[in-house]
N, C-alpha and C. Protein backbone atom coordinates (compact mmCIF):
# COMPACT_ATOMS: atom_id res chain seq x y z
N UNK A 1 7.35 8.95 -1.93
CA UNK A 1 6.72 9.32 -1.04
C UNK A 1 7.18 10.72 -0.35
N UNK A 2 6.06 11.40 0.23
CA UNK A 2 6.30 12.77 0.41
C UNK A 2 6.56 12.94 1.93
N UNK A 3 7.78 12.60 2.58
CA UNK A 3 7.96 12.26 4.13
C UNK A 3 7.95 13.73 4.69
N UNK A 4 8.46 14.81 3.89
CA UNK A 4 8.29 16.00 4.71
C UNK A 4 7.16 16.51 5.23
N UNK A 5 5.75 16.00 4.01
CA UNK A 5 4.59 16.21 4.50
C UNK A 5 4.21 15.64 5.92
N UNK A 6 4.51 14.21 5.75
CA UNK A 6 4.07 13.27 7.08
C UNK A 6 4.68 13.72 8.34
N UNK A 7 6.08 14.08 8.11
CA UNK A 7 6.55 14.54 9.57
C UNK A 7 6.28 16.01 9.89
N UNK A 8 5.93 16.84 8.91
CA UNK A 8 5.58 18.19 9.04
C UNK A 8 4.18 18.24 9.93
N UNK A 9 3.55 17.21 9.56
CA UNK A 9 2.18 17.09 10.30
C UNK A 9 2.44 16.58 11.86
N UNK A 10 3.61 16.16 12.22
CA UNK A 10 3.80 15.41 13.41
C UNK A 10 3.75 14.13 13.76
N UNK A 11 4.07 13.60 12.38
CA UNK A 11 4.32 11.81 12.58
C UNK A 11 5.73 11.58 12.55
N UNK A 12 5.77 10.28 13.24
CA UNK A 12 7.20 9.42 13.13
C UNK A 12 6.89 8.44 11.98
N UNK A 13 7.62 8.46 11.16
CA UNK A 13 7.52 7.41 9.97
C UNK A 13 8.31 6.28 10.21
N UNK A 14 7.82 5.31 9.94
CA UNK A 14 8.50 3.91 10.00
C UNK A 14 8.50 3.41 8.42
N UNK A 15 9.83 3.16 7.86
CA UNK A 15 9.99 2.82 6.92
C UNK A 15 10.47 1.25 6.76
N UNK A 16 9.76 0.43 5.65
CA UNK A 16 10.44 -0.84 5.62
C UNK A 16 11.42 -0.85 4.36
N UNK A 17 12.61 -1.51 4.86
CA UNK A 17 13.35 -1.78 3.81
C UNK A 17 14.05 -3.30 3.89
N UNK A 18 14.55 -3.83 2.71
CA UNK A 18 15.35 -4.95 2.71
C UNK A 18 16.75 -4.85 2.52
N UNK A 19 17.44 -3.83 2.46
CA UNK A 19 18.79 -3.24 2.32
C UNK A 19 19.30 -2.28 2.94
N UNK A 20 20.61 -2.16 3.23
CA UNK A 20 21.27 -1.38 3.76
C UNK A 20 21.58 0.06 2.92
N UNK A 21 21.39 -0.11 1.68
CA UNK A 21 21.30 1.07 0.73
C UNK A 21 20.16 1.85 1.02
N UNK A 22 18.74 0.78 1.22
CA UNK A 22 17.55 1.64 1.26
C UNK A 22 17.29 2.16 2.77
N UNK A 23 17.97 1.63 3.67
CA UNK A 23 18.11 1.98 5.07
C UNK A 23 18.93 3.49 5.15
N UNK A 24 19.99 3.56 4.47
CA UNK A 24 20.56 4.75 4.52
C UNK A 24 19.63 6.13 3.94
N UNK A 25 18.97 5.59 2.86
CA UNK A 25 18.20 6.80 2.27
C UNK A 25 16.99 6.87 3.09
N UNK A 26 16.29 5.99 3.95
CA UNK A 26 15.51 6.38 4.67
C UNK A 26 15.91 7.24 5.81
N UNK A 27 17.07 6.53 6.64
CA UNK A 27 17.56 7.54 7.48
C UNK A 27 18.16 8.98 7.26
N UNK A 28 18.37 9.14 5.81
CA UNK A 28 18.81 10.52 5.43
C UNK A 28 17.50 11.36 4.98
N UNK A 29 16.34 10.77 5.07
CA UNK A 29 15.25 11.31 5.10
C UNK A 29 14.12 11.75 6.30
N UNK A 30 14.89 10.69 7.63
CA UNK A 30 14.39 11.28 8.77
C UNK A 30 13.43 10.14 9.20
N UNK A 31 13.40 9.15 8.33
CA UNK A 31 12.80 7.97 8.70
C UNK A 31 13.11 6.75 9.74
N UNK A 32 12.37 6.52 10.36
CA UNK A 32 12.82 5.35 11.19
C UNK A 32 12.98 3.78 10.47
N UNK A 33 14.03 3.10 10.55
CA UNK A 33 14.31 2.13 9.53
C UNK A 33 13.61 0.67 10.32
N UNK A 34 13.06 0.00 9.52
CA UNK A 34 12.35 -1.29 9.86
C UNK A 34 12.81 -2.09 8.69
N UNK A 35 13.69 -3.27 9.06
CA UNK A 35 14.36 -4.24 8.21
C UNK A 35 13.39 -5.38 7.86
N UNK A 36 13.26 -5.67 6.89
CA UNK A 36 12.22 -6.82 6.43
C UNK A 36 12.02 -6.93 4.93
N UNK A 37 11.02 -7.78 4.35
CA UNK A 37 10.55 -7.57 2.76
C UNK A 37 9.23 -7.94 3.14
N UNK A 38 8.40 -8.08 1.92
CA UNK A 38 6.95 -8.29 1.85
C UNK A 38 7.01 -9.86 2.01
N UNK A 39 7.98 -10.83 1.96
CA UNK A 39 7.78 -12.05 1.96
C UNK A 39 8.20 -12.43 3.59
N UNK A 40 8.68 -11.49 4.20
CA UNK A 40 8.90 -11.96 5.70
C UNK A 40 7.72 -11.62 6.43
N UNK A 41 6.89 -12.29 6.51
CA UNK A 41 5.41 -11.92 7.52
C UNK A 41 5.79 -11.69 8.69
N UNK A 42 6.67 -12.20 9.36
CA UNK A 42 6.73 -11.69 10.87
C UNK A 42 7.54 -10.32 10.94
N UNK A 43 8.46 -9.96 10.00
CA UNK A 43 8.74 -8.37 10.17
C UNK A 43 7.54 -7.13 9.74
N UNK A 44 6.99 -7.78 8.98
CA UNK A 44 5.26 -6.91 8.58
C UNK A 44 4.61 -6.91 9.83
N UNK A 45 4.29 -7.93 10.50
CA UNK A 45 3.59 -7.93 11.78
C UNK A 45 4.38 -7.16 12.75
N UNK A 46 5.54 -7.24 13.01
CA UNK A 46 6.29 -6.48 14.05
C UNK A 46 6.18 -4.99 13.67
N UNK A 47 6.34 -4.63 12.64
CA UNK A 47 6.07 -3.20 12.08
C UNK A 47 4.82 -2.48 11.96
N UNK A 48 3.60 -3.20 11.85
CA UNK A 48 2.22 -3.15 11.91
C UNK A 48 1.83 -2.98 13.55
N UNK A 49 2.32 -3.77 14.56
CA UNK A 49 2.19 -3.79 15.83
C UNK A 49 2.54 -2.37 15.98
N UNK A 50 3.68 -1.73 15.80
CA UNK A 50 4.27 -0.34 16.35
C UNK A 50 3.74 0.78 15.83
N UNK A 51 2.66 0.59 15.07
CA UNK A 51 2.17 1.82 14.04
C UNK A 51 0.81 2.16 14.33
N UNK A 52 0.23 3.51 14.41
CA UNK A 52 -0.68 3.84 14.81
C UNK A 52 -1.62 3.87 13.29
N UNK A 53 -1.05 3.54 12.27
CA UNK A 53 -1.51 3.30 10.92
C UNK A 53 -0.61 2.87 9.91
N UNK A 54 -1.33 2.01 9.01
CA UNK A 54 -0.63 1.17 8.27
C UNK A 54 -0.68 1.70 6.47
N UNK A 55 0.36 2.04 5.95
CA UNK A 55 0.00 2.27 4.32
C UNK A 55 0.98 1.35 3.74
N UNK A 56 0.36 0.33 3.03
CA UNK A 56 0.88 -0.88 2.39
C UNK A 56 0.95 -0.40 0.90
N UNK A 57 2.25 -0.06 0.37
CA UNK A 57 2.31 0.16 -1.03
C UNK A 57 3.49 -0.18 -1.51
N UNK A 58 3.83 -1.76 -1.17
CA UNK A 58 4.80 -2.09 -1.75
C UNK A 58 4.52 -3.34 -2.31
N UNK A 59 5.13 -3.58 -3.80
CA UNK A 59 4.70 -4.83 -4.35
C UNK A 59 6.09 -4.97 -5.31
N UNK A 60 6.36 -6.20 -5.69
CA UNK A 60 7.15 -6.69 -6.29
C UNK A 60 6.71 -6.71 -7.72
N UNK A 61 7.14 -5.59 -8.76
CA UNK A 61 6.67 -5.56 -10.26
C UNK A 61 7.56 -6.57 -11.13
N UNK A 62 8.13 -7.56 -10.82
CA UNK A 62 8.78 -8.33 -11.79
C UNK A 62 7.63 -9.07 -12.35
N UNK A 63 7.31 -8.54 -13.59
CA UNK A 63 6.00 -9.20 -14.23
C UNK A 63 6.16 -10.56 -14.55
N UNK A 64 7.71 -11.18 -14.56
CA UNK A 64 8.01 -12.48 -14.98
C UNK A 64 7.06 -13.60 -14.06
N UNK A 65 6.86 -12.96 -12.69
CA UNK A 65 6.48 -13.92 -11.68
C UNK A 65 5.14 -13.16 -10.95
N UNK A 66 4.43 -12.80 -11.95
CA UNK A 66 3.26 -11.84 -11.75
C UNK A 66 2.17 -12.40 -10.31
N UNK A 67 2.07 -13.95 -10.48
CA UNK A 67 1.00 -14.54 -9.91
C UNK A 67 1.67 -14.74 -8.69
N UNK A 68 2.90 -14.99 -8.23
CA UNK A 68 3.47 -15.20 -7.04
C UNK A 68 3.42 -14.04 -6.43
N UNK A 69 3.82 -12.88 -7.10
CA UNK A 69 3.74 -11.45 -6.26
C UNK A 69 2.71 -11.11 -5.83
N UNK A 70 1.43 -11.51 -6.73
CA UNK A 70 0.47 -11.41 -6.22
C UNK A 70 -0.06 -12.00 -4.71
N UNK A 71 0.19 -13.13 -4.94
CA UNK A 71 0.46 -14.01 -3.70
C UNK A 71 0.87 -13.54 -2.36
N UNK A 72 1.88 -12.99 -2.84
CA UNK A 72 2.87 -12.31 -1.81
C UNK A 72 2.14 -11.43 -1.12
N UNK A 73 1.53 -10.74 -2.13
CA UNK A 73 0.85 -9.16 -1.39
C UNK A 73 -0.28 -9.84 -0.77
N UNK A 74 -0.95 -10.57 -1.35
CA UNK A 74 -2.20 -10.98 -0.23
C UNK A 74 -1.84 -11.39 1.08
N UNK A 75 -0.82 -12.41 1.06
CA UNK A 75 -0.18 -12.77 2.36
C UNK A 75 0.05 -11.66 3.39
N UNK A 76 0.93 -10.80 2.73
CA UNK A 76 1.35 -9.44 3.09
C UNK A 76 0.28 -8.93 4.00
N UNK A 77 -1.00 -8.50 3.32
CA UNK A 77 -2.06 -8.05 3.65
C UNK A 77 -2.72 -8.77 4.89
N UNK A 78 -2.75 -10.14 4.66
CA UNK A 78 -3.51 -10.94 5.74
C UNK A 78 -2.35 -10.87 7.11
N UNK A 79 -1.15 -10.59 6.87
CA UNK A 79 -0.31 -10.89 8.20
C UNK A 79 -0.38 -9.48 8.65
N UNK A 80 -0.35 -8.19 8.15
CA UNK A 80 -0.48 -6.97 8.63
C UNK A 80 -1.99 -6.87 9.35
N UNK A 81 -3.13 -7.25 8.58
CA UNK A 81 -4.37 -7.33 8.92
C UNK A 81 -4.47 -7.97 10.38
N UNK A 82 -3.83 -8.94 10.73
CA UNK A 82 -3.99 -9.90 11.85
C UNK A 82 -3.86 -9.23 13.10
N UNK A 83 -2.52 -8.11 13.03
CA UNK A 83 -2.42 -7.52 14.26
C UNK A 83 -3.10 -6.14 14.52
N UNK A 84 -4.11 -5.90 13.51
CA UNK A 84 -4.77 -4.71 13.51
C UNK A 84 -6.27 -4.84 13.96
N UNK A 85 -6.70 -6.27 13.70
CA UNK A 85 -7.87 -6.54 14.58
C UNK A 85 -7.98 -6.23 16.03
N UNK A 86 -9.07 -5.53 16.27
CA UNK A 86 -9.58 -4.82 17.20
C UNK A 86 -9.14 -3.52 17.42
N UNK A 87 -8.40 -3.14 16.64
CA UNK A 87 -8.06 -1.39 16.85
C UNK A 87 -8.74 -0.82 15.74
N UNK A 88 -8.98 0.45 16.04
CA UNK A 88 -9.38 1.50 15.01
C UNK A 88 -8.26 2.08 14.25
N UNK A 89 -7.10 1.50 14.06
CA UNK A 89 -5.95 2.03 13.41
C UNK A 89 -6.40 1.65 11.78
N UNK A 90 -6.22 2.89 10.95
CA UNK A 90 -6.64 2.78 9.56
C UNK A 90 -5.15 1.87 8.70
N UNK A 91 -5.91 1.10 7.63
CA UNK A 91 -5.06 0.18 7.00
C UNK A 91 -5.44 0.51 5.47
N UNK A 92 -4.60 0.94 4.72
CA UNK A 92 -4.51 1.26 3.62
C UNK A 92 -3.66 0.25 2.60
N UNK A 93 -4.48 -0.33 1.68
CA UNK A 93 -3.79 -1.19 0.88
C UNK A 93 -3.92 -0.83 -0.46
N UNK A 94 -3.52 -1.55 -1.51
CA UNK A 94 -3.39 -1.18 -2.93
C UNK A 94 -4.31 -2.38 -3.63
N UNK A 95 -4.75 -1.96 -4.78
CA UNK A 95 -5.34 -3.14 -5.74
C UNK A 95 -5.09 -2.57 -6.97
N UNK A 96 -6.08 -3.05 -8.09
CA UNK A 96 -5.89 -2.40 -9.67
C UNK A 96 -7.27 -2.24 -9.82
N UNK A 97 -7.58 -1.37 -10.82
CA UNK A 97 -8.82 -0.87 -11.25
C UNK A 97 -9.83 -1.78 -11.86
N UNK A 98 -8.85 -2.94 -12.70
CA UNK A 98 -9.82 -3.89 -13.05
C UNK A 98 -10.84 -4.73 -12.39
N UNK A 99 -10.35 -4.42 -10.82
CA UNK A 99 -11.39 -5.11 -9.91
C UNK A 99 -12.70 -4.43 -9.85
N UNK A 100 -12.53 -3.24 -10.15
CA UNK A 100 -14.01 -2.36 -10.39
C UNK A 100 -14.80 -2.37 -11.66
N UNK A 101 -14.40 -3.74 -12.24
CA UNK A 101 -14.71 -3.81 -13.93
C UNK A 101 -16.80 -4.00 -13.66
N UNK A 102 -17.33 -3.27 -14.52
CA UNK A 102 -18.84 -3.29 -14.48
C UNK A 102 -19.34 -4.37 -15.79
N UNK A 103 -18.11 -4.81 -16.26
CA UNK A 103 -18.38 -5.60 -17.62
C UNK A 103 -17.63 -5.42 -18.71
N UNK A 104 -17.58 -6.19 -20.00
CA UNK A 104 -16.73 -5.90 -20.96
C UNK A 104 -17.28 -4.72 -21.46
N UNK A 105 -16.37 -3.68 -21.74
CA UNK A 105 -16.63 -2.50 -22.53
C UNK A 105 -16.74 -1.26 -21.66
N UNK A 106 -17.33 -1.52 -20.54
CA UNK A 106 -17.75 -0.77 -19.48
C UNK A 106 -16.46 -0.22 -18.46
N UNK A 107 -16.88 1.09 -18.06
CA UNK A 107 -16.11 1.75 -16.96
C UNK A 107 -15.83 0.97 -15.77
N UNK A 108 -14.55 0.81 -15.38
CA UNK A 108 -14.55 0.41 -13.99
C UNK A 108 -15.03 1.38 -12.87
N UNK A 109 -15.59 1.23 -11.81
CA UNK A 109 -16.06 2.47 -11.08
C UNK A 109 -15.69 1.74 -9.53
N UNK A 110 -15.47 3.04 -8.51
CA UNK A 110 -15.24 2.67 -7.40
C UNK A 110 -15.82 2.02 -6.57
N UNK A 111 -17.38 1.98 -6.86
CA UNK A 111 -18.57 1.39 -5.98
C UNK A 111 -18.64 -0.13 -6.32
N UNK A 112 -17.88 -0.59 -7.40
CA UNK A 112 -17.95 -2.00 -7.95
C UNK A 112 -16.99 -2.76 -7.45
N UNK A 113 -17.08 -3.88 -6.88
CA UNK A 113 -15.97 -4.89 -6.67
C UNK A 113 -16.50 -6.37 -7.07
N UNK A 114 -15.73 -6.56 -8.19
CA UNK A 114 -15.76 -7.72 -8.84
C UNK A 114 -15.09 -8.72 -8.52
N UNK A 115 -15.64 -9.85 -7.18
CA UNK A 115 -14.83 -10.54 -6.74
C UNK A 115 -14.32 -11.76 -7.49
N UNK A 116 -15.09 -12.00 -8.70
CA UNK A 116 -14.50 -13.21 -9.47
C UNK A 116 -13.59 -12.75 -10.65
N UNK A 117 -13.01 -11.47 -10.38
CA UNK A 117 -11.98 -10.81 -11.60
C UNK A 117 -11.04 -11.83 -11.67
N UNK A 118 -10.60 -12.28 -12.93
CA UNK A 118 -9.71 -12.93 -12.94
C UNK A 118 -8.17 -12.67 -12.83
N UNK A 119 -7.94 -11.59 -12.71
CA UNK A 119 -6.77 -11.06 -12.51
C UNK A 119 -6.31 -11.50 -11.05
N UNK A 120 -4.99 -12.05 -11.10
CA UNK A 120 -4.62 -12.44 -9.81
C UNK A 120 -4.39 -11.17 -8.69
N UNK A 121 -4.46 -9.92 -9.11
CA UNK A 121 -4.41 -8.85 -8.15
C UNK A 121 -5.65 -9.07 -7.12
N UNK A 122 -6.70 -9.70 -7.62
CA UNK A 122 -8.07 -9.43 -6.93
C UNK A 122 -7.56 -10.02 -5.45
N UNK A 123 -6.42 -10.99 -5.16
CA UNK A 123 -6.22 -11.59 -3.93
C UNK A 123 -5.89 -10.48 -2.70
N UNK A 124 -5.50 -9.44 -3.24
CA UNK A 124 -5.20 -8.04 -2.65
C UNK A 124 -6.31 -7.66 -1.74
N UNK A 125 -7.38 -7.48 -2.68
CA UNK A 125 -8.72 -6.66 -2.09
C UNK A 125 -9.49 -7.63 -1.41
N UNK A 126 -9.38 -9.22 -1.98
CA UNK A 126 -10.26 -10.07 -0.97
C UNK A 126 -9.69 -9.99 0.37
N UNK A 127 -8.38 -9.92 0.49
CA UNK A 127 -7.55 -9.94 1.87
C UNK A 127 -8.03 -8.71 2.46
N UNK A 128 -8.01 -7.63 2.09
CA UNK A 128 -8.15 -6.58 2.64
C UNK A 128 -10.06 -6.54 3.07
N UNK A 129 -10.67 -7.11 2.32
CA UNK A 129 -12.31 -7.08 2.59
C UNK A 129 -12.27 -8.12 3.99
N UNK A 130 -11.57 -9.53 3.71
CA UNK A 130 -11.49 -10.15 4.92
C UNK A 130 -11.24 -9.39 6.28
N UNK A 131 -10.02 -8.58 6.14
CA UNK A 131 -9.88 -7.82 7.23
C UNK A 131 -10.80 -7.12 7.83
N UNK A 132 -11.55 -6.47 6.76
CA UNK A 132 -12.56 -5.25 7.14
C UNK A 132 -13.60 -6.04 7.87
N UNK A 133 -14.11 -7.11 7.46
CA UNK A 133 -14.83 -8.13 8.12
C UNK A 133 -14.66 -8.34 9.47
N UNK A 134 -13.27 -8.42 9.95
CA UNK A 134 -13.10 -8.79 11.37
C UNK A 134 -12.64 -7.41 12.12
N UNK A 135 -13.36 -6.06 11.56
CA UNK A 135 -13.40 -4.73 12.26
C UNK A 135 -11.92 -3.98 11.90
N UNK A 136 -11.26 -4.04 10.93
CA UNK A 136 -10.17 -3.45 10.71
C UNK A 136 -10.61 -2.24 9.76
N UNK A 137 -10.12 -1.35 10.17
CA UNK A 137 -10.63 -0.04 9.36
C UNK A 137 -9.35 0.01 8.20
N UNK A 138 -10.07 -0.69 6.59
CA UNK A 138 -9.47 -0.87 5.75
C UNK A 138 -9.84 0.03 4.67
N UNK A 139 -9.07 0.77 3.91
CA UNK A 139 -9.09 1.54 2.53
C UNK A 139 -8.28 0.72 1.46
N UNK A 140 -9.02 0.91 0.46
CA UNK A 140 -8.42 0.23 -0.80
C UNK A 140 -8.25 1.33 -1.87
N UNK A 141 -6.89 1.72 -2.21
CA UNK A 141 -6.79 2.20 -3.55
C UNK A 141 -6.23 1.50 -4.68
N UNK A 142 -7.21 1.63 -5.77
CA UNK A 142 -7.21 0.99 -6.88
C UNK A 142 -6.34 1.78 -7.90
N UNK A 143 -5.35 1.32 -8.17
CA UNK A 143 -4.09 1.79 -8.96
C UNK A 143 -4.15 1.65 -10.44
N UNK A 144 -4.43 2.55 -11.59
CA UNK A 144 -4.23 2.12 -12.70
C UNK A 144 -2.84 2.13 -13.16
N UNK A 145 -2.78 1.79 -14.69
CA UNK A 145 -1.60 1.70 -15.23
C UNK A 145 -1.20 3.29 -15.71
N UNK A 146 -0.11 3.71 -15.78
CA UNK A 146 0.12 4.84 -16.29
C UNK A 146 0.53 4.98 -17.36
N UNK A 147 0.16 5.87 -18.28
CA UNK A 147 0.59 6.00 -19.65
C UNK A 147 0.89 7.44 -19.95
N UNK A 148 2.44 7.68 -20.57
CA UNK A 148 2.92 8.97 -20.81
C UNK A 148 3.35 9.14 -22.43
N UNK A 149 2.66 8.00 -23.52
CA UNK A 149 2.88 8.21 -24.86
C UNK A 149 4.23 7.22 -25.14
N UNK A 150 4.89 7.13 -24.34
CA UNK A 150 6.07 6.37 -24.47
C UNK A 150 6.30 5.03 -23.63
N UNK A 151 5.84 5.20 -22.33
CA UNK A 151 5.97 3.80 -21.38
C UNK A 151 4.79 3.51 -21.08
N UNK A 152 4.45 2.20 -20.74
CA UNK A 152 3.15 1.70 -20.29
C UNK A 152 3.65 0.85 -18.95
N UNK A 153 3.36 1.27 -17.96
CA UNK A 153 3.51 0.84 -16.83
C UNK A 153 2.82 0.59 -15.60
N UNK A 154 2.85 -0.45 -14.79
CA UNK A 154 2.13 -0.60 -13.46
C UNK A 154 2.52 -0.06 -12.23
N UNK A 155 4.04 0.34 -12.47
CA UNK A 155 4.68 0.76 -11.23
C UNK A 155 4.20 1.98 -10.74
N UNK A 156 4.23 1.96 -9.66
CA UNK A 156 3.76 3.26 -8.98
C UNK A 156 5.12 4.11 -8.52
N UNK A 157 5.92 3.50 -8.18
CA UNK A 157 7.14 4.12 -7.87
C UNK A 157 8.41 2.86 -8.15
N UNK A 158 9.50 3.54 -8.60
CA UNK A 158 10.52 2.34 -8.73
C UNK A 158 10.95 1.57 -7.63
N UNK A 159 10.87 2.27 -6.54
CA UNK A 159 11.12 1.04 -5.21
C UNK A 159 10.28 0.07 -5.26
N UNK A 160 9.13 0.16 -5.72
CA UNK A 160 7.85 -0.88 -5.55
C UNK A 160 8.70 -2.19 -6.16
N UNK A 161 9.64 -1.73 -7.42
CA UNK A 161 10.13 -2.95 -8.07
C UNK A 161 11.05 -3.80 -7.13
N UNK A 162 11.52 -3.33 -6.24
CA UNK A 162 12.31 -4.18 -5.20
C UNK A 162 11.48 -4.64 -3.89
N UNK A 163 10.11 -4.42 -4.07
CA UNK A 163 9.45 -4.88 -2.98
C UNK A 163 9.52 -4.07 -1.88
N UNK A 164 9.91 -2.89 -1.71
CA UNK A 164 10.30 -1.99 -0.75
C UNK A 164 9.01 -0.90 -0.56
N UNK A 165 8.65 -0.71 0.41
CA UNK A 165 7.82 0.79 0.41
C UNK A 165 7.38 1.00 1.95
N UNK A 166 7.21 2.47 2.20
CA UNK A 166 7.05 2.85 3.34
C UNK A 166 5.73 2.39 3.63
N UNK A 167 5.57 1.92 5.10
CA UNK A 167 4.11 1.49 5.38
C UNK A 167 3.66 1.66 6.86
N UNK A 168 4.63 2.44 7.71
CA UNK A 168 4.07 2.66 8.98
C UNK A 168 4.28 3.90 9.12
N UNK A 169 2.83 4.51 9.70
CA UNK A 169 2.96 5.92 10.01
C UNK A 169 2.12 5.95 11.59
N UNK A 170 3.08 6.42 12.25
CA UNK A 170 2.84 6.02 13.85
C UNK A 170 2.79 7.46 14.81
N UNK A 171 2.39 7.13 15.95
CA UNK A 171 2.53 7.93 17.04
C UNK A 171 1.62 9.23 17.44
N UNK A 172 1.18 9.93 16.30
CA UNK A 172 0.18 10.82 16.53
C UNK A 172 -0.25 11.47 15.12
N UNK A 173 -1.47 12.28 15.50
CA UNK A 173 -1.94 12.88 14.25
C UNK A 173 -3.25 12.48 13.74
N UNK A 174 -4.05 13.23 12.52
CA UNK A 174 -5.20 12.80 12.48
C UNK A 174 -5.23 12.20 11.01
N UNK A 175 -4.50 12.36 10.23
CA UNK A 175 -4.23 12.28 8.75
C UNK A 175 -2.96 11.51 8.53
N UNK A 176 -3.36 10.78 7.63
CA UNK A 176 -1.96 9.68 6.96
C UNK A 176 -2.20 10.23 5.60
N UNK A 177 -0.92 10.35 5.39
CA UNK A 177 -0.64 10.69 3.56
C UNK A 177 0.39 9.77 2.96
N UNK A 178 -0.02 9.24 1.84
CA UNK A 178 0.92 8.37 1.09
C UNK A 178 1.06 8.96 0.00
N UNK A 179 2.14 8.98 -0.91
CA UNK A 179 2.03 9.20 -2.09
C UNK A 179 3.24 8.49 -2.78
N UNK A 180 2.82 8.34 -4.25
CA UNK A 180 3.91 7.49 -5.10
C UNK A 180 4.22 8.06 -6.33
N UNK A 181 5.14 8.13 -6.48
CA UNK A 181 5.76 8.89 -7.91
C UNK A 181 6.07 7.82 -9.05
N UNK A 182 5.44 7.83 -10.09
CA UNK A 182 6.05 7.00 -11.39
C UNK A 182 7.22 7.80 -12.02
N UNK A 183 8.36 7.39 -11.59
CA UNK A 183 9.54 8.28 -11.90
C UNK A 183 9.78 8.22 -13.54
N UNK A 184 9.35 7.21 -14.03
CA UNK A 184 9.65 7.12 -15.32
C UNK A 184 8.71 8.02 -16.15
N UNK A 185 7.50 8.23 -15.78
CA UNK A 185 6.71 9.14 -16.56
C UNK A 185 6.53 10.48 -16.02
N UNK A 186 6.96 10.76 -14.87
CA UNK A 186 6.73 11.99 -14.36
C UNK A 186 5.35 12.20 -13.54
N UNK A 187 4.50 11.18 -13.65
CA UNK A 187 3.15 11.40 -12.69
C UNK A 187 3.35 10.97 -11.25
N UNK A 188 2.45 11.78 -10.75
CA UNK A 188 2.52 11.50 -9.29
C UNK A 188 1.24 11.14 -8.61
N UNK A 189 1.01 9.98 -7.98
CA UNK A 189 -0.32 10.01 -7.34
C UNK A 189 -0.18 9.99 -5.97
N UNK A 190 -1.33 10.82 -5.19
CA UNK A 190 -1.23 10.90 -3.88
C UNK A 190 -2.91 10.58 -3.30
N UNK A 191 -2.63 10.12 -2.28
CA UNK A 191 -3.79 9.73 -1.28
C UNK A 191 -3.66 9.88 0.12
N UNK A 192 -4.82 10.18 0.56
CA UNK A 192 -4.60 10.11 2.24
C UNK A 192 -5.83 9.61 2.84
N UNK A 193 -5.67 9.22 4.04
CA UNK A 193 -6.69 8.70 4.91
C UNK A 193 -7.17 9.48 6.33
N UNK A 194 -8.25 9.81 6.45
CA UNK A 194 -8.64 10.52 7.71
C UNK A 194 -9.22 9.78 8.63
N UNK A 195 -8.72 9.36 9.92
CA UNK A 195 -9.50 8.79 10.81
C UNK A 195 -10.79 9.42 11.23
N UNK A 196 -10.98 10.37 11.30
CA UNK A 196 -12.07 10.99 11.50
C UNK A 196 -13.34 10.61 10.44
N UNK A 197 -13.07 9.80 9.39
CA UNK A 197 -14.08 9.80 8.27
C UNK A 197 -13.87 8.44 8.33
N UNK A 198 -13.62 7.34 9.44
CA UNK A 198 -13.93 6.31 9.12
C UNK A 198 -12.94 5.18 8.29
N UNK A 199 -11.73 5.78 8.12
CA UNK A 199 -10.60 5.47 7.18
C UNK A 199 -11.04 5.41 5.71
N UNK A 200 -11.94 6.36 5.26
CA UNK A 200 -12.37 6.19 3.78
C UNK A 200 -11.26 6.98 3.10
N UNK A 201 -11.07 6.92 1.63
CA UNK A 201 -10.22 7.58 1.06
C UNK A 201 -10.64 8.87 1.20
N UNK A 202 -9.80 10.10 1.21
CA UNK A 202 -10.21 11.58 0.83
C UNK A 202 -9.10 12.06 -0.41
């Protein structure tokens, strides 16, 4: 996460962590600590209540329990979305590129939403869509697997493996910026949301 950019733009950043080690790292970066995890829905609701924008990029990448992890992610999105109903605060969630499938052998595209996609990751985007129908300003970033010739990984950041991630950006400003780095392959994924363009990805 590019914390200096967020703080340099005038934001106070609230970071979710489930460990004391994680808390120390957040504090060393100037980030306010919010204790909890993606299975502690009350902690997610409380964090979202205090933020002007929510960036949810945490997911457990233990693929031995992938279906459960997808269900946990869906429930986390539902919980945070509940406290954002009735506000114009942007809510950014992640999904997988397969959800944009246009059929076998065809490229997935951002304007396609396959609501019947068999990948359990579909639950995250369906939860985001349900929140959007209730008036929440939802944006979805569909993250691909990253290849570097040696590794094949769906991880955006090693911290995601532990189910931790920065998710609250609060108190002032017009732009929310989140960035995840795949440390093992040197790739960086960056995305932003601007309130003035209705919470659409830019």
